[in-house]
C-alpha cells in the first residue's frame, strides 16, 4: 500500500469514526442516551466541528495503524470502534466533563496497539 493510500485511508477512517462517536456522544450528553438530543439547535454542528478537530489530531496514529495492512483494519477497526462506543454510552455519562479526554486517550492507545498487531495472512 502506498503512503498516499495509507494517509487517505487513515484520514477517512479517523474522520468517520470521530463523527459517528461524536454524534453518539451528543446523544448521551443529556445524561441518558437519547437521539432526540441531536434535534436541539446547534448540537450537530458543534459535534461535527469537534469531531473533525479530534480526527485531525488522531490521524497520525491512524496512519500508524494502517501499516500492518487492510485485513487487520477490517478485523480490529470495528472492535476498537465498538469499544469506544460502549465507553461513550456507559462511562461518559458517569465521568462528566472529563470523559471525552479519556475517550481520546483510549482511541490513541487503541490505534497504536492496532499498529503493533502482526499482519494477517
PDB file of N, CA and C in Angstrom:
ATOM      1  N   UNK A   1       0.843  -1.160   0.000  1.00  0.00           N
ATOM      2  CA  UNK A   1       0.000   0.000   0.000  1.00  0.00           C
ATOM      3  C   UNK A   1       0.903   1.242   0.000  1.00  0.00           C
ATOM      4  N   UNK A   2       0.649   2.180  -0.883  1.00  0.00           N
ATOM      5  CA  UNK A   2       1.483   3.378  -0.964  1.00  0.00           C
ATOM      6  C   UNK A   2       1.198   4.307   0.226  1.00  0.00           C
ATOM      7  N   UNK A   3       2.123   5.210   0.451  1.00  0.00           N
ATOM      8  CA  UNK A   3       1.987   6.128   1.583  1.00  0.00           C
ATOM      9  C   UNK A   3       0.765   7.034   1.417  1.00  0.00           C
ATOM     10  N   UNK A   4       0.498   7.497   0.212  1.00  0.00           N
ATOM     11  CA  UNK A   4      -0.673   8.337  -0.021  1.00  0.00           C
ATOM     12  C   UNK A   4      -1.957   7.577   0.278  1.00  0.00           C
ATOM     13  N   UNK A   5      -2.013   6.318  -0.121  1.00  0.00           N
ATOM     14  CA  UNK A   5      -3.188   5.489   0.163  1.00  0.00           C
ATOM     15  C   UNK A   5      -3.367   5.306   1.657  1.00  0.00           C
ATOM     16  N   UNK A   6      -2.259   5.088   2.368  1.00  0.00           N
ATOM     17  CA  UNK A   6      -2.333   4.922   3.824  1.00  0.00           C
ATOM     18  C   UNK A   6      -2.836   6.183   4.507  1.00  0.00           C
ATOM     19  N   UNK A   7      -2.350   7.346   4.070  1.00  0.00           N
ATOM     20  CA  UNK A   7      -2.761   8.615   4.678  1.00  0.00           C
ATOM     21  C   UNK A   7      -4.232   8.888   4.395  1.00  0.00           C
ATOM     22  N   UNK A   8      -4.670   8.670   3.151  1.00  0.00           N
ATOM     23  CA  UNK A   8      -6.076   8.899   2.811  1.00  0.00           C
ATOM     24  C   UNK A   8      -6.993   7.925   3.545  1.00  0.00           C
ATOM     25  N   UNK A   9      -6.597   6.669   3.643  1.00  0.00           N
ATOM     26  CA  UNK A   9      -7.379   5.686   4.377  1.00  0.00           C
ATOM     27  C   UNK A   9      -7.454   6.055   5.852  1.00  0.00           C
ATOM     28  N   UNK A  10      -6.329   6.446   6.420  1.00  0.00           N
ATOM     29  CA  UNK A  10      -6.301   6.817   7.836  1.00  0.00           C
ATOM     30  C   UNK A  10      -7.139   8.061   8.100  1.00  0.00           C
ATOM     31  N   UNK A  11      -7.064   9.052   7.210  1.00  0.00           N
ATOM     32  CA  UNK A  11      -7.857  10.271   7.392  1.00  0.00           C
ATOM     33  C   UNK A  11      -9.353   9.972   7.310  1.00  0.00           C
ATOM     34  N   UNK A  12      -9.733   9.157   6.355  1.00  0.00           N
ATOM     35  CA  UNK A  12     -11.138   8.774   6.238  1.00  0.00           C
ATOM     36  C   UNK A  12     -11.617   7.951   7.413  1.00  0.00           C
ATOM     37  N   UNK A  13     -10.766   7.030   7.847  1.00  0.00           N
ATOM     38  CA  UNK A  13     -11.106   6.181   8.987  1.00  0.00           C
ATOM     39  C   UNK A  13     -11.253   7.011  10.264  1.00  0.00           C
ATOM     40  N   UNK A  14     -10.314   7.914  10.503  1.00  0.00           N
ATOM     41  CA  UNK A  14     -10.385   8.704  11.732  1.00  0.00           C
ATOM     42  C   UNK A  14     -11.553   9.686  11.692  1.00  0.00           C
ATOM     43  N   UNK A  15     -11.837  10.283  10.516  1.00  0.00           N
ATOM     44  CA  UNK A  15     -12.950  11.220  10.441  1.00  0.00           C
ATOM     45  C   UNK A  15     -14.281  10.496  10.608  1.00  0.00           C
ATOM     46  N   UNK A  16     -14.450   9.371   9.933  1.00  0.00           N
ATOM     47  CA  UNK A  16     -15.702   8.618  10.048  1.00  0.00           C
ATOM     48  C   UNK A  16     -15.959   8.132  11.464  1.00  0.00           C
ATOM     49  N   UNK A  17     -14.931   7.615  12.091  1.00  0.00           N
ATOM     50  CA  UNK A  17     -15.077   7.144  13.469  1.00  0.00           C
ATOM     51  C   UNK A  17     -15.339   8.303  14.421  1.00  0.00           C
ATOM     52  N   UNK A  18     -14.621   9.394  14.240  1.00  0.00           N
ATOM     53  CA  UNK A  18     -14.802  10.552  15.122  1.00  0.00           C
ATOM     54  C   UNK A  18     -16.199  11.146  14.991  1.00  0.00           C
ATOM     55  N   UNK A  19     -16.698  11.241  13.776  1.00  0.00           N
ATOM     56  CA  UNK A  19     -18.030  11.816  13.574  1.00  0.00           C
ATOM     57  C   UNK A  19     -19.110  10.929  14.176  1.00  0.00           C
ATOM     58  N   UNK A  20     -19.052   9.633  13.918  1.00  0.00           N
ATOM     59  CA  UNK A  20     -20.085   8.747  14.468  1.00  0.00           C
ATOM     60  C   UNK A  20     -20.019   8.706  15.995  1.00  0.00           C
ATOM     61  N   UNK A  21     -18.808   8.663  16.541  1.00  0.00           N
ATOM     62  CA  UNK A  21     -18.688   8.670  18.000  1.00  0.00           C
ATOM     63  C   UNK A  21     -19.064  10.036  18.581  1.00  0.00           C
ATOM     64  N   UNK A  22     -18.773  11.114  17.852  1.00  0.00           N
ATOM     65  CA  UNK A  22     -19.168  12.446  18.312  1.00  0.00           C
ATOM     66  C   UNK A  22     -20.676  12.605  18.354  1.00  0.00           C
ATOM     67  N   UNK A  23     -21.360  12.106  17.336  1.00  0.00           N
ATOM     68  CA  UNK A  23     -22.821  12.160  17.337  1.00  0.00           C
ATOM     69  C   UNK A  23     -23.402  11.263  18.422  1.00  0.00           C
ATOM     70  N   UNK A  24     -22.780  10.125  18.659  1.00  0.00           N
ATOM     71  CA  UNK A  24     -23.212   9.257  19.747  1.00  0.00           C
ATOM     72  C   UNK A  24     -23.004   9.940  21.090  1.00  0.00           C
ATOM     73  N   UNK A  25     -21.870  10.632  21.238  1.00  0.00           N
ATOM     74  CA  UNK A  25     -21.602  11.394  22.458  1.00  0.00           C
ATOM     75  C   UNK A  25     -22.639  12.503  22.639  1.00  0.00           C
ATOM     76  N   UNK A  26     -22.989  13.182  21.562  1.00  0.00           N
ATOM     77  CA  UNK A  26     -24.006  14.234  21.646  1.00  0.00           C
ATOM     78  C   UNK A  26     -25.351  13.651  22.071  1.00  0.00           C
ATOM     79  N   UNK A  27     -25.634  12.445  21.625  1.00  0.00           N
ATOM     80  CA  UNK A  27     -26.865  11.785  22.037  1.00  0.00           C
ATOM     81  C   UNK A  27     -26.876  11.412  23.507  1.00  0.00           C
ATOM     82  N   UNK A  28     -25.691  11.242  24.091  1.00  0.00           N
ATOM     83  CA  UNK A  28     -25.572  10.894  25.514  1.00  0.00           C
ATOM     84  C   UNK A  28     -25.298  12.108  26.396  1.00  0.00           C
ATOM     85  N   UNK A  29     -25.206  13.280  25.812  1.00  0.00           N
ATOM     86  CA  UNK A  29     -24.801  14.471  26.557  1.00  0.00           C
ATOM     87  C   UNK A  29     -25.801  14.876  27.631  1.00  0.00           C
ATOM     88  N   UNK A  30     -27.041  14.485  27.484  1.00  0.00           N
ATOM     89  CA  UNK A  30     -28.050  14.878  28.469  1.00  0.00           C
ATOM     90  C   UNK A  30     -28.005  14.005  29.721  1.00  0.00           C
ATOM     91  N   UNK A  31     -27.115  13.021  29.777  1.00  0.00           N
ATOM     92  CA  UNK A  31     -27.031  12.131  30.928  1.00  0.00           C
ATOM     93  C   UNK A  31     -27.703  10.798  30.696  1.00  0.00           C
ATOM     94  N   UNK A  32     -28.482  10.718  29.653  1.00  0.00           N
ATOM     95  CA  UNK A  32     -29.105   9.450  29.252  1.00  0.00           C
ATOM     96  C   UNK A  32     -29.031   9.376  27.739  1.00  0.00           C
ATOM     97  N   UNK A  33     -29.101   8.185  27.208  1.00  0.00           N
ATOM     98  CA  UNK A  33     -28.977   8.003  25.764  1.00  0.00           C
ATOM     99  C   UNK A  33     -30.297   8.356  25.097  1.00  0.00           C
ATOM    100  N   UNK A  34     -30.289   9.434  24.295  1.00  0.00           N
ATOM    101  CA  UNK A  34     -31.479   9.859  23.583  1.00  0.00           C
ATOM    102  C   UNK A  34     -31.058  10.560  22.292  1.00  0.00           C
ATOM    103  N   UNK A  35     -31.453  10.013  21.173  1.00  0.00           N
ATOM    104  CA  UNK A  35     -31.115  10.628  19.896  1.00  0.00           C
ATOM    105  C   UNK A  35     -31.924  11.894  19.639  1.00  0.00           C
ATOM    106  N   UNK A  36     -32.962  12.150  20.440  1.00  0.00           N
ATOM    107  CA  UNK A  36     -33.723  13.390  20.286  1.00  0.00           C
ATOM    108  C   UNK A  36     -32.882  14.606  20.681  1.00  0.00           C
ATOM    109  N   UNK A  37     -31.800  14.377  21.415  1.00  0.00           N
ATOM    110  CA  UNK A  37     -30.885  15.463  21.756  1.00  0.00           C
ATOM    111  C   UNK A  37     -30.265  16.055  20.492  1.00  0.00           C
ATOM    112  N   UNK A  38     -30.103  15.259  19.466  1.00  0.00           N
ATOM    113  CA  UNK A  38     -29.497  15.731  18.223  1.00  0.00           C
ATOM    114  C   UNK A  38     -30.371  16.741  17.486  1.00  0.00           C
ATOM    115  N   UNK A  39     -31.667  16.798  17.842  1.00  0.00           N
ATOM    116  CA  UNK A  39     -32.558  17.755  17.188  1.00  0.00           C
ATOM    117  C   UNK A  39     -32.483  19.134  17.810  1.00  0.00           C
ATOM    118  N   UNK A  40     -31.785  19.282  18.919  1.00  0.00           N
ATOM    119  CA  UNK A  40     -31.636  20.601  19.539  1.00  0.00           C
ATOM    120  C   UNK A  40     -30.768  21.482  18.654  1.00  0.00           C
ATOM    121  N   UNK A  41     -31.035  22.788  18.643  1.00  0.00           N
ATOM    122  CA  UNK A  41     -30.265  23.676  17.769  1.00  0.00           C
ATOM    123  C   UNK A  41     -28.784  23.722  18.141  1.00  0.00           C
ATOM    124  N   UNK A  42     -27.945  23.560  17.149  1.00  0.00           N
ATOM    125  CA  UNK A  42     -26.505  23.686  17.339  1.00  0.00           C
ATOM    126  C   UNK A  42     -25.785  22.434  17.798  1.00  0.00           C
ATOM    127  N   UNK A  43     -26.499  21.396  18.171  1.00  0.00           N
ATOM    128  CA  UNK A  43     -25.846  20.193  18.689  1.00  0.00           C
ATOM    129  C   UNK A  43     -25.057  19.489  17.592  1.00  0.00           C
ATOM    130  N   UNK A  44     -25.661  19.261  16.457  1.00  0.00           N
ATOM    131  CA  UNK A  44     -24.991  18.539  15.376  1.00  0.00           C
ATOM    132  C   UNK A  44     -23.812  19.332  14.810  1.00  0.00           C
ATOM    133  N   UNK A  45     -23.949  20.638  14.537  1.00  0.00           N
ATOM    134  CA  UNK A  45     -22.770  21.373  14.029  1.00  0.00           C
ATOM    135  C   UNK A  45     -21.604  21.381  15.010  1.00  0.00           C
ATOM    136  N   UNK A  46     -21.881  21.555  16.284  1.00  0.00           N
ATOM    137  CA  UNK A  46     -20.797  21.554  17.277  1.00  0.00           C
ATOM    138  C   UNK A  46     -20.156  20.172  17.353  1.00  0.00           C
ATOM    139  N   UNK A  47     -20.975  19.122  17.322  1.00  0.00           N
ATOM    140  CA  UNK A  47     -20.434  17.760  17.360  1.00  0.00           C
ATOM    141  C   UNK A  47     -19.566  17.492  16.133  1.00  0.00           C
ATOM    142  N   UNK A  48     -19.980  17.963  14.974  1.00  0.00           N
ATOM    143  CA  UNK A  48     -19.202  17.747  13.750  1.00  0.00           C
ATOM    144  C   UNK A  48     -17.889  18.531  13.770  1.00  0.00           C
ATOM    145  N   UNK A  49     -17.923  19.752  14.270  1.00  0.00           N
ATOM    146  CA  UNK A  49     -16.691  20.555  14.339  1.00  0.00           C
ATOM    147  C   UNK A  49     -15.700  19.922  15.298  1.00  0.00           C
ATOM    148  N   UNK A  50     -16.156  19.551  16.474  1.00  0.00           N
ATOM    149  CA  UNK A  50     -15.255  18.937  17.460  1.00  0.00           C
ATOM    150  C   UNK A  50     -14.739  17.594  16.956  1.00  0.00           C
ATOM    151  N   UNK A  51     -15.604  16.801  16.323  1.00  0.00           N
ATOM    152  CA  UNK A  51     -15.176  15.509  15.783  1.00  0.00           C
ATOM    153  C   UNK A  51     -14.144  15.679  14.682  1.00  0.00           C
ATOM    154  N   UNK A  52     -14.282  16.706  13.871  1.00  0.00           N
ATOM    155  CA  UNK A  52     -13.305  16.960  12.818  1.00  0.00           C
ATOM    156  C   UNK A  52     -11.955  17.349  13.404  1.00  0.00           C
ATOM    157  N   UNK A  53     -11.958  18.179  14.441  1.00  0.00           N
ATOM    158  CA  UNK A  53     -10.709  18.560  15.104  1.00  0.00           C
ATOM    159  C   UNK A  53     -10.045  17.333  15.733  1.00  0.00           C
ATOM    160  N   UNK A  54     -10.831  16.498  16.393  1.00  0.00           N
ATOM    161  CA  UNK A  54     -10.283  15.280  17.002  1.00  0.00           C
ATOM    162  C   UNK A  54      -9.734  14.356  15.932  1.00  0.00           C
ATOM    163  N   UNK A  55     -10.424  14.243  14.805  1.00  0.00           N
ATOM    164  CA  UNK A  55      -9.931  13.355  13.739  1.00  0.00           C
ATOM    165  C   UNK A  55      -8.610  13.857  13.173  1.00  0.00           C
ATOM    166  N   UNK A  56      -8.432  15.177  13.086  1.00  0.00           N
ATOM    167  CA  UNK A  56      -7.155  15.719  12.621  1.00  0.00           C
ATOM    168  C   UNK A  56      -6.052  15.386  13.611  1.00  0.00           C
ATOM    169  N   UNK A  57      -6.371  15.435  14.900  1.00  0.00           N
ATOM    170  CA  UNK A  57      -5.371  15.141  15.938  1.00  0.00           C
ATOM    171  C   UNK A  57      -4.965  13.676  15.919  1.00  0.00           C
ATOM    172  N   UNK A  58      -5.925  12.765  15.710  1.00  0.00           N
ATOM    173  CA  UNK A  58      -5.591  11.339  15.789  1.00  0.00           C
ATOM    174  C   UNK A  58      -5.185  10.733  14.447  1.00  0.00           C
ATOM    175  N   UNK A  59      -5.205  11.494  13.373  1.00  0.00           N
ATOM    176  CA  UNK A  59      -4.824  10.954  12.061  1.00  0.00           C
ATOM    177  C   UNK A  59      -3.401  10.396  12.032  1.00  0.00           C
ATOM    178  N   UNK A  60      -2.394  11.022  12.656  1.00  0.00           N
ATOM    179  CA  UNK A  60      -1.065  10.386  12.647  1.00  0.00           C
ATOM    180  C   UNK A  60      -1.054   8.991  13.291  1.00  0.00           C
ATOM    181  N   UNK A  61      -1.795   8.819  14.368  1.00  0.00           N
ATOM    182  CA  UNK A  61      -1.882   7.482  14.978  1.00  0.00           C
ATOM    183  C   UNK A  61      -2.641   6.529  14.069  1.00  0.00           C
ATOM    184  N   UNK A  62      -3.622   7.036  13.343  1.00  0.00           N
ATOM    185  CA  UNK A  62      -4.358   6.187  12.404  1.00  0.00           C
ATOM    186  C   UNK A  62      -3.476   5.770  11.234  1.00  0.00           C
ATOM    187  N   UNK A  63      -2.593   6.664  10.792  1.00  0.00           N
ATOM    188  CA  UNK A  63      -1.635   6.292   9.742  1.00  0.00           C
ATOM    189  C   UNK A  63      -0.735   5.170  10.252  1.00  0.00           C
ATOM    190  N   UNK A  64      -0.316   5.271  11.504  1.00  0.00           N
ATOM    191  CA  UNK A  64       0.498   4.222  12.109  1.00  0.00           C
ATOM    192  C   UNK A  64      -0.257   2.891  12.110  1.00  0.00           C
ATOM    193  N   UNK A  65      -1.555   2.918  12.407  1.00  0.00           N
ATOM    194  CA  UNK A  65      -2.320   1.678  12.492  1.00  0.00           C
ATOM    195  C   UNK A  65      -2.528   1.029  11.133  1.00  0.00           C
ATOM    196  N   UNK A  66      -2.380   1.785  10.043  1.00  0.00           N
ATOM    197  CA  UNK A  66      -2.570   1.199   8.711  1.00  0.00           C
ATOM    198  C   UNK A  66      -1.333   0.466   8.199  1.00  0.00           C
ATOM    199  N   UNK A  67      -0.240   0.528   8.930  1.00  0.00           N
ATOM    200  CA  UNK A  67       1.000  -0.058   8.443  1.00  0.00           C
ATOM    201  C   UNK A  67       0.959  -1.581   8.379  1.00  0.00           C
ATOM    202  N   UNK A  68       0.063  -2.224   9.132  1.00  0.00           N
ATOM    203  CA  UNK A  68       0.011  -3.683   9.119  1.00  0.00           C
ATOM    204  C   UNK A  68      -0.955  -4.232   8.080  1.00  0.00           C
ATOM    205  N   UNK A  69      -1.634  -3.370   7.364  1.00  0.00           N
ATOM    206  CA  UNK A  69      -2.464  -3.836   6.264  1.00  0.00           C
ATOM    207  C   UNK A  69      -3.951  -3.656   6.482  1.00  0.00           C
ATOM    208  N   UNK A  70      -4.656  -3.802   5.383  1.00  0.00           N
ATOM    209  CA  UNK A  70      -6.097  -3.581   5.369  1.00  0.00           C
ATOM    210  C   UNK A  70      -6.862  -4.691   6.087  1.00  0.00           C
ATOM    211  N   UNK A  71      -6.341  -5.888   6.074  1.00  0.00           N
ATOM    212  CA  UNK A  71      -7.048  -7.003   6.705  1.00  0.00           C
ATOM    213  C   UNK A  71      -7.166  -6.785   8.208  1.00  0.00           C
ATOM    214  N   UNK A  72      -6.093  -6.328   8.848  1.00  0.00           N
ATOM    215  CA  UNK A  72      -6.155  -6.045  10.277  1.00  0.00           C
ATOM    216  C   UNK A  72      -7.153  -4.932  10.583  1.00  0.00           C
ATOM    217  N   UNK A  73      -7.203  -3.914   9.705  1.00  0.00           N
ATOM    218  CA  UNK A  73      -8.153  -2.822   9.925  1.00  0.00           C
ATOM    219  C   UNK A  73      -9.589  -3.308   9.827  1.00  0.00           C
ATOM    220  N   UNK A  74      -9.850  -4.211   8.898  1.00  0.00           N
ATOM    221  CA  UNK A  74     -11.208  -4.728   8.740  1.00  0.00           C
ATOM    222  C   UNK A  74     -11.629  -5.595   9.917  1.00  0.00           C
ATOM    223  N   UNK A  75     -10.661  -6.222  10.579  1.00  0.00           N
ATOM    224  CA  UNK A  75     -10.975  -7.082  11.720  1.00  0.00           C
ATOM    225  C   UNK A  75     -10.993  -6.282  13.019  1.00  0.00           C
ATOM    226  N   UNK A  76      -9.919  -5.536  13.291  1.00  0.00           N
ATOM    227  CA  UNK A  76      -9.757  -4.895  14.592  1.00  0.00           C
ATOM    228  C   UNK A  76     -10.296  -3.468  14.650  1.00  0.00           C
ATOM    229  N   UNK A  77     -10.488  -2.819  13.509  1.00  0.00           N
ATOM    230  CA  UNK A  77     -11.059  -1.473  13.499  1.00  0.00           C
ATOM    231  C   UNK A  77     -12.472  -1.429  14.072  1.00  0.00           C
ATOM    232  N   UNK A  78     -13.374  -2.308  13.626  1.00  0.00           N
ATOM    233  CA  UNK A  78     -14.719  -2.317  14.214  1.00  0.00           C
ATOM    234  C   UNK A  78     -14.720  -2.680  15.706  1.00  0.00           C
ATOM    235  N   UNK A  79     -13.789  -3.524  16.120  1.00  0.00           N
ATOM    236  CA  UNK A  79     -13.698  -3.858  17.545  1.00  0.00           C
ATOM    237  C   UNK A  79     -13.315  -2.620  18.344  1.00  0.00           C
ATOM    238  N   UNK A  80     -12.361  -1.847  17.839  1.00  0.00           N
ATOM    239  CA  UNK A  80     -11.964  -0.607  18.505  1.00  0.00           C
ATOM    240  C   UNK A  80     -13.117   0.382  18.526  1.00  0.00           C
ATOM    241  N   UNK A  81     -13.827   0.533  17.417  1.00  0.00           N
ATOM    242  CA  UNK A  81     -14.955   1.464  17.374  1.00  0.00           C
ATOM    243  C   UNK A  81     -16.039   1.035  18.361  1.00  0.00           C
ATOM    244  N   UNK A  82     -16.352  -0.255  18.405  1.00  0.00           N
ATOM    245  CA  UNK A  82     -17.378  -0.762  19.322  1.00  0.00           C
ATOM    246  C   UNK A  82     -16.971  -0.522  20.771  1.00  0.00           C
ATOM    247  N   UNK A  83     -15.688  -0.727  21.083  1.00  0.00           N
ATOM    248  CA  UNK A  83     -15.200  -0.475  22.441  1.00  0.00           C
ATOM    249  C   UNK A  83     -15.365   0.999  22.804  1.00  0.00           C
ATOM    250  N   UNK A  84     -15.035   1.873  21.891  1.00  0.00           N
ATOM    251  CA  UNK A  84     -15.189   3.307  22.142  1.00  0.00           C
ATOM    252  C   UNK A  84     -16.658   3.692  22.258  1.00  0.00           C
ATOM    253  N   UNK A  85     -17.534   3.078  21.465  1.00  0.00           N
ATOM    254  CA  UNK A  85     -18.961   3.365  21.546  1.00  0.00           C
ATOM    255  C   UNK A  85     -19.533   2.923  22.890  1.00  0.00           C
ATOM    256  N   UNK A  86     -19.118   1.754  23.367  1.00  0.00           N
ATOM    257  CA  UNK A  86     -19.560   1.303  24.694  1.00  0.00           C
ATOM    258  C   UNK A  86     -19.061   2.251  25.770  1.00  0.00           C
ATOM    259  N   UNK A  87     -17.847   2.729  25.611  1.00  0.00           N
ATOM    260  CA  UNK A  87     -17.294   3.697  26.561  1.00  0.00           C
ATOM    261  C   UNK A  87     -18.123   4.980  26.559  1.00  0.00           C
ATOM    262  N   UNK A  88     -18.530   5.440  25.383  1.00  0.00           N
ATOM    263  CA  UNK A  88     -19.346   6.653  25.294  1.00  0.00           C
ATOM    264  C   UNK A  88     -20.684   6.454  25.993  1.00  0.00           C
ATOM    265  N   UNK A  89     -21.319   5.327  25.777  1.00  0.00           N
ATOM    266  CA  UNK A  89     -22.654   5.092  26.325  1.00  0.00           C
ATOM    267  C   UNK A  89     -22.624   4.795  27.817  1.00  0.00           C
ATOM    268  N   UNK A  90     -21.628   4.032  28.272  1.00  0.00           N
ATOM    269  CA  UNK A  90     -21.610   3.582  29.662  1.00  0.00           C
ATOM    270  C   UNK A  90     -20.790   4.499  30.571  1.00  0.00           C
ATOM    271  N   UNK A  91     -19.592   4.863  30.155  1.00  0.00           N
ATOM    272  CA  UNK A  91     -18.667   5.563  31.044  1.00  0.00           C
ATOM    273  C   UNK A  91     -18.834   7.079  31.018  1.00  0.00           C
ATOM    274  N   UNK A  92     -19.016   7.654  29.856  1.00  0.00           N
ATOM    275  CA  UNK A  92     -19.052   9.116  29.721  1.00  0.00           C
ATOM    276  C   UNK A  92     -20.151   9.759  30.580  1.00  0.00           C
ATOM    277  N   UNK A  93     -21.375   9.225  30.623  1.00  0.00           N
ATOM    278  CA  UNK A  93     -22.374   9.873  31.483  1.00  0.00           C
ATOM    279  C   UNK A  93     -21.983   9.894  32.971  1.00  0.00           C
ATOM    280  N   UNK A  94     -21.153   8.949  33.391  1.00  0.00           N
ATOM    281  CA  UNK A  94     -20.738   8.891  34.800  1.00  0.00           C
ATOM    282  C   UNK A  94     -19.540   9.787  35.093  1.00  0.00           C
ATOM    283  N   UNK A  95     -18.676  10.007  34.099  1.00  0.00           N
ATOM    284  CA  UNK A  95     -17.459  10.786  34.340  1.00  0.00           C
ATOM    285  C   UNK A  95     -17.654  12.272  34.123  1.00  0.00           C
ATOM    286  N   UNK A  96     -18.643  12.660  33.356  1.00  0.00           N
ATOM    287  CA  UNK A  96     -18.935  14.073  33.166  1.00  0.00           C
ATOM    288  C   UNK A  96     -18.011  14.761  32.190  1.00  0.00           C
ATOM    289  N   UNK A  97     -17.566  15.963  32.548  1.00  0.00           N
ATOM    290  CA  UNK A  97     -16.839  16.824  31.622  1.00  0.00           C
ATOM    291  C   UNK A  97     -15.472  16.289  31.229  1.00  0.00           C
ATOM    292  N   UNK A  98     -14.840  15.463  32.060  1.00  0.00           N
ATOM    293  CA  UNK A  98     -13.507  14.962  31.751  1.00  0.00           C
ATOM    294  C   UNK A  98     -13.541  13.662  30.948  1.00  0.00           C
ATOM    295  N   UNK A  99     -14.699  13.137  30.677  1.00  0.00           N
ATOM    296  CA  UNK A  99     -14.841  11.885  29.941  1.00  0.00           C
ATOM    297  C   UNK A  99     -14.300  11.897  28.526  1.00  0.00           C
ATOM    298  N   UNK A 100     -14.524  12.964  27.742  1.00  0.00           N
ATOM    299  CA  UNK A 100     -14.022  12.961  26.361  1.00  0.00           C
ATOM    300  C   UNK A 100     -12.501  12.862  26.268  1.00  0.00           C
ATOM    301  N   UNK A 101     -11.779  13.417  27.231  1.00  0.00           N
ATOM    302  CA  UNK A 101     -10.321  13.326  27.193  1.00  0.00           C
ATOM    303  C   UNK A 101      -9.868  11.878  27.363  1.00  0.00           C
ATOM    304  N   UNK A 102     -10.501  11.159  28.251  1.00  0.00           N
ATOM    305  CA  UNK A 102     -10.188   9.740  28.420  1.00  0.00           C
ATOM    306  C   UNK A 102     -10.530   8.940  27.185  1.00  0.00           C
ATOM    307  N   UNK A 103     -11.604   9.330  26.506  1.00  0.00           N
ATOM    308  CA  UNK A 103     -12.001   8.648  25.278  1.00  0.00           C
ATOM    309  C   UNK A 103     -10.969   8.861  24.176  1.00  0.00           C
ATOM    310  N   UNK A 104     -10.437  10.077  24.067  1.00  0.00           N
ATOM    311  CA  UNK A 104      -9.407  10.368  23.066  1.00  0.00           C
ATOM    312  C   UNK A 104      -8.137   9.581  23.374  1.00  0.00           C
ATOM    313  N   UNK A 105      -7.760   9.510  24.646  1.00  0.00           N
ATOM    314  CA  UNK A 105      -6.569   8.738  25.032  1.00  0.00           C
ATOM    315  C   UNK A 105      -6.790   7.260  24.722  1.00  0.00           C
ATOM    316  N   UNK A 106      -7.979   6.745  25.029  1.00  0.00           N
ATOM    317  CA  UNK A 106      -8.285   5.346  24.735  1.00  0.00           C
ATOM    318  C   UNK A 106      -8.234   5.073  23.233  1.00  0.00           C
ATOM    319  N   UNK A 107      -8.721   6.009  22.420  1.00  0.00           N
ATOM    320  CA  UNK A 107      -8.665   5.850  20.963  1.00  0.00           C
ATOM    321  C   UNK A 107      -7.223   5.845  20.470  1.00  0.00           C
ATOM    322  N   UNK A 108      -6.409   6.751  20.992  1.00  0.00           N
ATOM    323  CA  UNK A 108      -4.998   6.794  20.582  1.00  0.00           C
ATOM    324  C   UNK A 108      -4.267   5.514  20.961  1.00  0.00           C
ATOM    325  N   UNK A 109      -4.494   5.033  22.175  1.00  0.00           N
ATOM    326  CA  UNK A 109      -3.850   3.783  22.606  1.00  0.00           C
ATOM    327  C   UNK A 109      -4.324   2.625  21.736  1.00  0.00           C
ATOM    328  N   UNK A 110      -5.621   2.581  21.443  1.00  0.00           N
ATOM    329  CA  UNK A 110      -6.152   1.522  20.583  1.00  0.00           C
ATOM    330  C   UNK A 110      -5.549   1.546  19.190  1.00  0.00           C
ATOM    331  N   UNK A 111      -5.388   2.734  18.621  1.00  0.00           N
ATOM    332  CA  UNK A 111      -4.781   2.843  17.290  1.00  0.00           C
ATOM    333  C   UNK A 111      -3.314   2.435  17.308  1.00  0.00           C
ATOM    334  N   UNK A 112      -2.609   2.814  18.357  1.00  0.00           N
ATOM    335  CA  UNK A 112      -1.194   2.421  18.445  1.00  0.00           C
ATOM    336  C   UNK A 112      -1.053   0.915  18.616  1.00  0.00           C
ATOM    337  N   UNK A 113      -1.900   0.306  19.427  1.00  0.00           N
ATOM    338  CA  UNK A 113      -1.888  -1.153  19.588  1.00  0.00           C
ATOM    339  C   UNK A 113      -2.237  -1.824  18.267  1.00  0.00           C
ATOM    340  N   UNK A 114      -3.197  -1.264  17.548  1.00  0.00           N
ATOM    341  CA  UNK A 114      -3.574  -1.823  16.254  1.00  0.00           C
ATOM    342  C   UNK A 114      -2.397  -1.819  15.287  1.00  0.00           C
ATOM    343  N   UNK A 115      -1.525  -0.847  15.385  1.00  0.00           N
ATOM    344  CA  UNK A 115      -0.333  -0.802  14.526  1.00  0.00           C
ATOM    345  C   UNK A 115       0.702  -1.845  14.871  1.00  0.00           C
ATOM    346  N   UNK A 116       0.662  -2.378  16.099  1.00  0.00           N
ATOM    347  CA  UNK A 116       1.633  -3.396  16.510  1.00  0.00           C
ATOM    348  C   UNK A 116       1.160  -4.823  16.270  1.00  0.00           C
ATOM    349  N   UNK A 117      -0.110  -5.020  15.975  1.00  0.00           N
ATOM    350  CA  UNK A 117      -0.628  -6.366  15.720  1.00  0.00           C
ATOM    351  C   UNK A 117      -0.018  -6.869  14.408  1.00  0.00           C
ATOM    352  N   UNK A 118       0.568  -8.035  14.414  1.00  0.00           N
ATOM    353  CA  UNK A 118       1.200  -8.545  13.195  1.00  0.00           C
ATOM    354  C   UNK A 118       0.179  -8.682  12.050  1.00  0.00           C
ATOM    355  N   UNK A 119       0.644  -8.460  10.853  1.00  0.00           N
ATOM    356  CA  UNK A 119      -0.222  -8.521   9.680  1.00  0.00           C
ATOM    357  C   UNK A 119      -0.801  -9.920   9.509  1.00  0.00           C
ATOM    358  N   UNK A 120      -2.100  -9.954   9.201  1.00  0.00           N
ATOM    359  CA  UNK A 120      -2.769 -11.227   8.960  1.00  0.00           C
ATOM    360  C   UNK A 120      -2.381 -11.805   7.622  1.00  0.00           C
ATOM    361  N   UNK A 121      -2.433 -13.094   7.513  1.00  0.00           N
ATOM    362  CA  UNK A 121      -2.046 -13.741   6.256  1.00  0.00           C
ATOM    363  C   UNK A 121      -3.255 -14.138   5.461  1.00  0.00           C
TER     364      UNK A 121
END
